[in-house]
C-alpha atoms as a PDB file:
ATOM      1  CA  MET A   1      21.550 -39.953 -54.560  1.00  0.00           C
ATOM      2  CA  LYS A   2      17.923 -38.975 -55.143  1.00  0.00           C
ATOM      3  CA  PRO A   3      16.541 -36.016 -53.175  1.00  0.00           C
ATOM      4  CA  THR A   4      14.130 -36.869 -50.362  1.00  0.00           C
ATOM      5  CA  SER A   5      11.216 -35.239 -52.182  1.00  0.00           C
ATOM      6  CA  SER A   6      11.706 -37.530 -55.192  1.00  0.00           C
ATOM      7  CA  ILE A   7      12.033 -40.605 -52.990  1.00  0.00           C
ATOM      8  CA  ARG A   8       8.845 -39.650 -51.164  1.00  0.00           C
ATOM      9  CA  LYS A   9       6.927 -39.349 -54.442  1.00  0.00           C
ATOM     10  CA  GLU A  10       8.076 -42.841 -55.435  1.00  0.00           C
ATOM     11  CA  LYS A  11       7.073 -44.281 -52.065  1.00  0.00           C
ATOM     12  CA  LEU A  12       3.678 -42.609 -52.305  1.00  0.00           C
ATOM     13  CA  LYS A  13       2.718 -44.096 -55.662  1.00  0.00           C
ATOM     14  CA  ASN A  14       0.511 -46.476 -53.686  1.00  0.00           C
ATOM     15  CA  GLY A  15       0.391 -44.463 -50.487  1.00  0.00           C
ATOM     16  CA  ILE A  16       2.176 -45.274 -47.238  1.00  0.00           C
ATOM     17  CA  PHE A  17       0.537 -47.283 -44.490  1.00  0.00           C
ATOM     18  CA  ILE A  18       1.880 -46.620 -40.977  1.00  0.00           C
ATOM     19  CA  THR A  19       0.622 -48.322 -37.826  1.00  0.00           C
ATOM     20  CA  ILE A  20       1.359 -47.463 -34.198  1.00  0.00           C
ATOM     21  CA  GLU A  21       1.125 -50.117 -31.503  1.00  0.00           C
ATOM     22  CA  GLY A  22       1.858 -50.595 -27.814  1.00  0.00           C
ATOM     23  CA  VAL A  23       0.545 -51.527 -24.403  1.00  0.00           C
ATOM     24  CA  GLU A  24      -2.090 -49.477 -22.591  1.00  0.00           C
ATOM     25  CA  GLY A  25      -0.733 -46.056 -21.661  1.00  0.00           C
ATOM     26  CA  ALA A  26       2.148 -46.141 -24.141  1.00  0.00           C
ATOM     27  CA  GLY A  27       1.027 -42.904 -25.794  1.00  0.00           C
ATOM     28  CA  LYS A  28      -0.147 -44.330 -29.132  1.00  0.00           C
ATOM     29  CA  THR A  29      -2.969 -41.879 -29.711  1.00  0.00           C
ATOM     30  CA  THR A  30      -0.871 -38.834 -28.847  1.00  0.00           C
ATOM     31  CA  GLN A  31       2.027 -39.953 -31.025  1.00  0.00           C
ATOM     32  CA  ALA A  32      -0.264 -40.860 -33.930  1.00  0.00           C
ATOM     33  CA  GLN A  33      -1.743 -37.372 -33.817  1.00  0.00           C
ATOM     34  CA  ARG A  34       1.670 -35.707 -33.625  1.00  0.00           C
ATOM     35  CA  LEU A  35       3.049 -37.782 -36.485  1.00  0.00           C
ATOM     36  CA  ALA A  36       0.027 -36.989 -38.642  1.00  0.00           C
ATOM     37  CA  ALA A  37       0.489 -33.267 -37.974  1.00  0.00           C
ATOM     38  CA  SER A  38       4.183 -33.488 -38.910  1.00  0.00           C
ATOM     39  CA  LEU A  39       3.663 -35.365 -42.171  1.00  0.00           C
ATOM     40  CA  GLY A  40       1.387 -32.810 -43.773  1.00  0.00           C
ATOM     41  CA  PRO A  41      -2.080 -32.590 -45.317  1.00  0.00           C
ATOM     42  CA  ASP A  42      -2.120 -35.900 -47.237  1.00  0.00           C
ATOM     43  CA  VAL A  43      -2.587 -37.929 -44.067  1.00  0.00           C
ATOM     44  CA  VAL A  44      -5.547 -40.022 -42.973  1.00  0.00           C
ATOM     45  CA  LEU A  45      -5.518 -40.637 -39.211  1.00  0.00           C
ATOM     46  CA  THR A  46      -7.621 -43.553 -38.013  1.00  0.00           C
ATOM     47  CA  ARG A  47      -7.837 -46.222 -35.323  1.00  0.00           C
ATOM     48  CA  GLU A  48      -8.799 -49.810 -34.563  1.00  0.00           C
ATOM     49  CA  PRO A  49     -11.242 -51.020 -33.753  1.00  0.00           C
ATOM     50  CA  GLY A  50     -13.008 -48.171 -35.478  1.00  0.00           C
ATOM     51  CA  GLY A  51     -12.473 -45.765 -38.329  1.00  0.00           C
ATOM     52  CA  THR A  52     -15.864 -46.272 -39.969  1.00  0.00           C
ATOM     53  CA  LEU A  53     -19.448 -46.106 -38.747  1.00  0.00           C
ATOM     54  CA  VAL A  54     -19.788 -49.897 -38.634  1.00  0.00           C
ATOM     55  CA  ALA A  55     -16.380 -50.459 -37.040  1.00  0.00           C
ATOM     56  CA  GLU A  56     -16.958 -47.753 -34.418  1.00  0.00           C
ATOM     57  CA  GLY A  57     -20.130 -49.569 -33.408  1.00  0.00           C
ATOM     58  CA  ILE A  58     -18.114 -52.755 -32.981  1.00  0.00           C
ATOM     59  CA  ARG A  59     -15.559 -50.785 -30.946  1.00  0.00           C
ATOM     60  CA  GLU A  60     -18.217 -49.703 -28.465  1.00  0.00           C
ATOM     61  CA  LEU A  61     -19.301 -53.307 -27.940  1.00  0.00           C
ATOM     62  CA  PHE A  62     -15.706 -54.555 -27.798  1.00  0.00           C
ATOM     63  CA  LEU A  63     -14.574 -52.115 -25.104  1.00  0.00           C
ATOM     64  CA  THR A  64     -17.643 -52.028 -22.868  1.00  0.00           C
ATOM     65  CA  SER A  65     -18.879 -55.605 -22.560  1.00  0.00           C
ATOM     66  CA  ASP A  66     -17.347 -57.719 -19.791  1.00  0.00           C
ATOM     67  CA  ARG A  67     -18.769 -60.943 -21.179  1.00  0.00           C
ATOM     68  CA  ILE A  68     -16.758 -61.239 -24.401  1.00  0.00           C
ATOM     69  CA  THR A  69     -14.552 -64.314 -24.796  1.00  0.00           C
ATOM     70  CA  PRO A  70     -11.145 -64.111 -26.536  1.00  0.00           C
ATOM     71  CA  MET A  71     -12.569 -65.883 -29.608  1.00  0.00           C
ATOM     72  CA  THR A  72     -15.453 -63.418 -29.789  1.00  0.00           C
ATOM     73  CA  GLU A  73     -12.920 -60.597 -29.486  1.00  0.00           C
ATOM     74  CA  LEU A  74     -10.981 -62.050 -32.400  1.00  0.00           C
ATOM     75  CA  LEU A  75     -14.027 -62.340 -34.644  1.00  0.00           C
ATOM     76  CA  LEU A  76     -15.260 -58.856 -33.744  1.00  0.00           C
ATOM     77  CA  MET A  77     -11.833 -57.427 -34.549  1.00  0.00           C
ATOM     78  CA  ALA A  78     -11.753 -59.248 -37.872  1.00  0.00           C
ATOM     79  CA  ALA A  79     -15.193 -57.908 -38.806  1.00  0.00           C
ATOM     80  CA  ALA A  80     -14.279 -54.341 -37.834  1.00  0.00           C
ATOM     81  CA  ARG A  81     -10.952 -54.597 -39.675  1.00  0.00           C
ATOM     82  CA  ALA A  82     -12.511 -55.922 -42.869  1.00  0.00           C
ATOM     83  CA  GLN A  83     -14.915 -52.965 -42.951  1.00  0.00           C
ATOM     84  CA  HIS A  84     -12.139 -50.525 -42.057  1.00  0.00           C
ATOM     85  CA  VAL A  85      -9.768 -51.721 -44.776  1.00  0.00           C
ATOM     86  CA  GLU A  86     -12.423 -51.902 -47.476  1.00  0.00           C
ATOM     87  CA  GLU A  87     -14.128 -48.590 -46.711  1.00  0.00           C
ATOM     88  CA  LEU A  88     -11.299 -46.332 -45.554  1.00  0.00           C
ATOM     89  CA  ILE A  89      -7.720 -47.626 -45.554  1.00  0.00           C
ATOM     90  CA  ARG A  90      -7.397 -49.158 -49.005  1.00  0.00           C
ATOM     91  CA  PRO A  91      -9.197 -46.307 -50.836  1.00  0.00           C
ATOM     92  CA  ALA A  92      -6.934 -43.763 -49.109  1.00  0.00           C
ATOM     93  CA  LEU A  93      -3.792 -45.664 -50.099  1.00  0.00           C
ATOM     94  CA  GLU A  94      -5.037 -45.980 -53.678  1.00  0.00           C
ATOM     95  CA  THR A  95      -5.249 -42.191 -53.853  1.00  0.00           C
ATOM     96  CA  ASN A  96      -1.624 -41.882 -52.700  1.00  0.00           C
ATOM     97  CA  GLN A  97      -2.344 -40.743 -49.170  1.00  0.00           C
ATOM     98  CA  ILE A  98      -0.458 -41.570 -45.984  1.00  0.00           C
ATOM     99  CA  VAL A  99      -2.570 -43.603 -43.576  1.00  0.00           C
ATOM    100  CA  ILE A 100      -1.663 -43.657 -39.884  1.00  0.00           C
ATOM    101  CA  CYS A 101      -3.599 -46.210 -37.858  1.00  0.00           C
ATOM    102  CA  ASP A 102      -3.669 -46.479 -34.064  1.00  0.00           C
ATOM    103  CA  ARG A 103      -3.429 -50.307 -33.757  1.00  0.00           C
ATOM    104  CA  PHE A 104      -3.787 -52.898 -36.527  1.00  0.00           C
ATOM    105  CA  ILE A 105      -2.862 -56.564 -37.118  1.00  0.00           C
ATOM    106  CA  ASP A 106      -0.076 -56.740 -34.522  1.00  0.00           C
ATOM    107  CA  ALA A 107      -2.544 -55.765 -31.807  1.00  0.00           C
ATOM    108  CA  THR A 108      -4.544 -58.894 -32.593  1.00  0.00           C
ATOM    109  CA  VAL A 109      -1.450 -61.043 -32.175  1.00  0.00           C
ATOM    110  CA  ALA A 110      -0.605 -59.350 -28.871  1.00  0.00           C
ATOM    111  CA  TYR A 111      -4.086 -59.163 -27.354  1.00  0.00           C
ATOM    112  CA  GLN A 112      -6.039 -62.125 -28.699  1.00  0.00           C
ATOM    113  CA  GLY A 113      -2.962 -64.310 -29.214  1.00  0.00           C
ATOM    114  CA  TYR A 114      -0.567 -63.789 -26.320  1.00  0.00           C
ATOM    115  CA  ARG A 115      -3.127 -62.405 -23.862  1.00  0.00           C
ATOM    116  CA  GLY A 116      -6.125 -64.453 -25.024  1.00  0.00           C
ATOM    117  CA  GLY A 117      -4.334 -67.706 -25.804  1.00  0.00           C
ATOM    118  CA  ILE A 118      -5.721 -68.159 -29.314  1.00  0.00           C
ATOM    119  CA  ASP A 119      -3.599 -70.070 -31.817  1.00  0.00           C
ATOM    120  CA  LEU A 120      -1.319 -67.644 -33.658  1.00  0.00           C
ATOM    121  CA  ASP A 121      -1.660 -69.443 -36.993  1.00  0.00           C
ATOM    122  CA  LEU A 122      -5.415 -68.937 -36.838  1.00  0.00           C
ATOM    123  CA  ILE A 123      -4.923 -65.259 -36.025  1.00  0.00           C
ATOM    124  CA  HIS A 124      -2.554 -64.760 -38.946  1.00  0.00           C
ATOM    125  CA  GLN A 125      -4.998 -66.506 -41.310  1.00  0.00           C
ATOM    126  CA  LEU A 126      -7.922 -64.424 -40.114  1.00  0.00           C
ATOM    127  CA  ASN A 127      -5.896 -61.214 -40.312  1.00  0.00           C
ATOM    128  CA  HIS A 128      -5.029 -62.059 -43.910  1.00  0.00           C
ATOM    129  CA  VAL A 129      -8.677 -62.645 -44.784  1.00  0.00           C
ATOM    130  CA  ALA A 130      -9.863 -59.476 -43.045  1.00  0.00           C
ATOM    131  CA  THR A 131      -7.229 -57.258 -44.685  1.00  0.00           C
ATOM    132  CA  GLY A 132      -7.197 -58.891 -48.104  1.00  0.00           C
ATOM    133  CA  GLY A 133      -3.454 -59.310 -47.602  1.00  0.00           C
ATOM    134  CA  LEU A 134      -2.801 -55.656 -46.774  1.00  0.00           C
ATOM    135  CA  THR A 135       0.256 -55.208 -44.520  1.00  0.00           C
ATOM    136  CA  PRO A 136       1.586 -51.943 -43.050  1.00  0.00           C
ATOM    137  CA  ASP A 137       4.661 -50.475 -44.698  1.00  0.00           C
ATOM    138  CA  ILE A 138       6.075 -49.547 -41.306  1.00  0.00           C
ATOM    139  CA  THR A 139       4.900 -50.287 -37.771  1.00  0.00           C
ATOM    140  CA  PHE A 140       6.037 -48.460 -34.668  1.00  0.00           C
ATOM    141  CA  ILE A 141       5.706 -50.320 -31.379  1.00  0.00           C
ATOM    142  CA  LEU A 142       5.900 -47.907 -28.457  1.00  0.00           C
ATOM    143  CA  ASP A 143       7.529 -50.161 -25.909  1.00  0.00           C
ATOM    144  CA  LEU A 144       7.473 -49.708 -22.154  1.00  0.00           C
ATOM    145  CA  PRO A 145       6.757 -51.855 -19.092  1.00  0.00           C
ATOM    146  CA  PRO A 146       2.979 -52.073 -18.604  1.00  0.00           C
ATOM    147  CA  GLU A 147       3.348 -50.953 -14.987  1.00  0.00           C
ATOM    148  CA  ILE A 148       4.486 -47.558 -16.256  1.00  0.00           C
ATOM    149  CA  GLY A 149       1.715 -47.331 -18.821  1.00  0.00           C
ATOM    150  CA  LEU A 150      -0.998 -48.096 -16.286  1.00  0.00           C
ATOM    151  CA  LYS A 151       0.415 -45.523 -13.848  1.00  0.00           C
ATOM    152  CA  ARG A 152       0.396 -42.936 -16.624  1.00  0.00           C
ATOM    153  CA  GLN A 153      -3.272 -43.629 -17.247  1.00  0.00           C
ATOM    154  CA  GLN A 154      -4.099 -43.278 -13.575  1.00  0.00           C
ATOM    155  CA  ARG A 155      -2.218 -39.976 -13.316  1.00  0.00           C
ATOM    156  CA  GLY A 156      -3.953 -38.680 -16.424  1.00  0.00           C
ATOM    157  CA  GLU A 157      -7.385 -39.590 -15.050  1.00  0.00           C
ATOM    158  CA  THR A 158      -8.383 -40.965 -18.448  1.00  0.00           C
ATOM    159  CA  HIS A 159     -11.459 -43.116 -18.943  1.00  0.00           C
ATOM    160  CA  ARG A 160     -10.469 -46.730 -18.278  1.00  0.00           C
ATOM    161  CA  ASN A 161     -12.089 -49.401 -20.449  1.00  0.00           C
ATOM    162  CA  ARG A 162     -12.278 -53.109 -19.640  1.00  0.00           C
ATOM    163  CA  LEU A 163      -8.815 -53.807 -21.084  1.00  0.00           C
ATOM    164  CA  ASP A 164      -7.241 -51.152 -18.889  1.00  0.00           C
ATOM    165  CA  ARG A 165      -8.746 -52.807 -15.811  1.00  0.00           C
ATOM    166  CA  GLU A 166      -7.368 -56.272 -16.499  1.00  0.00           C
ATOM    167  CA  PRO A 167      -4.728 -57.879 -14.229  1.00  0.00           C
ATOM    168  CA  LEU A 168      -1.099 -56.845 -14.674  1.00  0.00           C
ATOM    169  CA  ASP A 169      -0.021 -60.305 -15.826  1.00  0.00           C
ATOM    170  CA  LEU A 170      -2.289 -59.983 -18.888  1.00  0.00           C
ATOM    171  CA  HIS A 171      -0.767 -56.605 -19.764  1.00  0.00           C
ATOM    172  CA  ARG A 172       2.665 -58.231 -19.528  1.00  0.00           C
ATOM    173  CA  LYS A 173       1.548 -60.906 -21.977  1.00  0.00           C
ATOM    174  CA  VAL A 174       0.463 -58.174 -24.385  1.00  0.00           C
ATOM    175  CA  ARG A 175       3.928 -56.632 -24.219  1.00  0.00           C
ATOM    176  CA  GLU A 176       5.463 -60.061 -24.799  1.00  0.00           C
ATOM    177  CA  GLY A 177       3.342 -60.391 -27.924  1.00  0.00           C
ATOM    178  CA  TYR A 178       4.485 -57.053 -29.250  1.00  0.00           C
ATOM    179  CA  LEU A 179       8.145 -57.847 -28.616  1.00  0.00           C
ATOM    180  CA  SER A 180       7.668 -61.137 -30.446  1.00  0.00           C
ATOM    181  CA  ALA A 181       6.147 -59.313 -33.427  1.00  0.00           C
ATOM    182  CA  ALA A 182       9.124 -56.947 -33.554  1.00  0.00           C
ATOM    183  CA  LYS A 183      11.560 -59.852 -33.474  1.00  0.00           C
ATOM    184  CA  ALA A 184       9.691 -61.744 -36.184  1.00  0.00           C
ATOM    185  CA  ASP A 185       9.565 -58.842 -38.673  1.00  0.00           C
ATOM    186  CA  PRO A 186      12.356 -56.333 -37.959  1.00  0.00           C
ATOM    187  CA  ASP A 187      12.238 -54.802 -41.437  1.00  0.00           C
ATOM    188  CA  ARG A 188       8.666 -53.617 -40.901  1.00  0.00           C
ATOM    189  CA  VAL A 189       8.380 -53.322 -37.127  1.00  0.00           C
ATOM    190  CA  LYS A 190      10.432 -50.705 -35.269  1.00  0.00           C
ATOM    191  CA  LEU A 191      10.632 -50.724 -31.483  1.00  0.00           C
ATOM    192  CA  ILE A 192      10.549 -47.244 -29.954  1.00  0.00           C
ATOM    193  CA  ASP A 193      11.502 -46.645 -26.322  1.00  0.00           C
ATOM    194  CA  ALA A 194       8.299 -45.130 -24.924  1.00  0.00           C
ATOM    195  CA  THR A 195       9.815 -44.463 -21.504  1.00  0.00           C
ATOM    196  CA  GLN A 196      11.311 -41.331 -23.077  1.00  0.00           C
ATOM    197  CA  ALA A 197       9.661 -37.924 -22.971  1.00  0.00           C
ATOM    198  CA  PRO A 198       6.934 -37.432 -25.632  1.00  0.00           C
ATOM    199  CA  ASP A 199       9.136 -35.083 -27.685  1.00  0.00           C
ATOM    200  CA  ALA A 200      11.902 -37.699 -27.816  1.00  0.00           C
ATOM    201  CA  VAL A 201       9.434 -40.409 -28.865  1.00  0.00           C
ATOM    202  CA  HIS A 202       8.089 -38.156 -31.626  1.00  0.00           C
ATOM    203  CA  ALA A 203      11.618 -37.438 -32.856  1.00  0.00           C
ATOM    204  CA  ALA A 204      12.363 -41.181 -32.952  1.00  0.00           C
ATOM    205  CA  LEU A 205       9.237 -41.834 -35.033  1.00  0.00           C
ATOM    206  CA  LEU A 206      10.179 -39.135 -37.518  1.00  0.00           C
ATOM    207  CA  ALA A 207      13.734 -40.451 -37.770  1.00  0.00           C
ATOM    208  CA  GLU A 208      12.527 -43.980 -38.526  1.00  0.00           C
ATOM    209  CA  TYR A 209      10.010 -42.652 -41.046  1.00  0.00           C
ATOM    210  CA  HIS A 210      12.724 -40.789 -42.944  1.00  0.00           C
ATOM    211  CA  LYS A 211      14.895 -43.905 -42.887  1.00  0.00           C
ATOM    212  CA  TYR A 212      12.011 -45.759 -44.505  1.00  0.00           C
ATOM    213  CA  LEU A 213      11.690 -43.096 -47.205  1.00  0.00           C
ATOM    214  CA  SER A 214      15.379 -43.255 -48.046  1.00  0.00           C
ATOM    215  CA  GLY A 215      15.648 -47.038 -47.808  1.00  0.00           C
END
């Protein structure tokens, strides 16, 4: 059996692309930061929408305007993602770095598909165009009932954007979309119980990451 260090070098010949997903309040940003700190210096930590100057500008519009339709959301996300992949994600992977991204293609399925009602085939086609066919090596979905996530946000007194303020039934549709994504691609997508304490969630992410390395 090859030592873990040798396996990791083989896996990193084209970098490793990790994405973290989940409903509002699931702890994605915190867990992305903790995972990046645990995996060492060769890690690029980024987010969607965002990650580049152009994409961060789109993020501001996306999260603050109350007049955006689901189709406009989809097209804005595709534009931000295309810039993000071309300018930051793909170059980092080509230099053998680990990229950890807070949200990616599965978020579009969950939010613009299940929540927004846009045809999933169209979303998959547009995701493919925007990414040039790039797919994460491993995706962690931090799963918990949206009621819990929203209560966590309220307790934390965090800034609430327009998505946070949407009705509970829409947040439930987002979770349904994520669960569907996990069922459709179990080799890539790993469901993590986000009702656990943050330390337990972090340990679960690390365990699944090491399984990926040795797989």
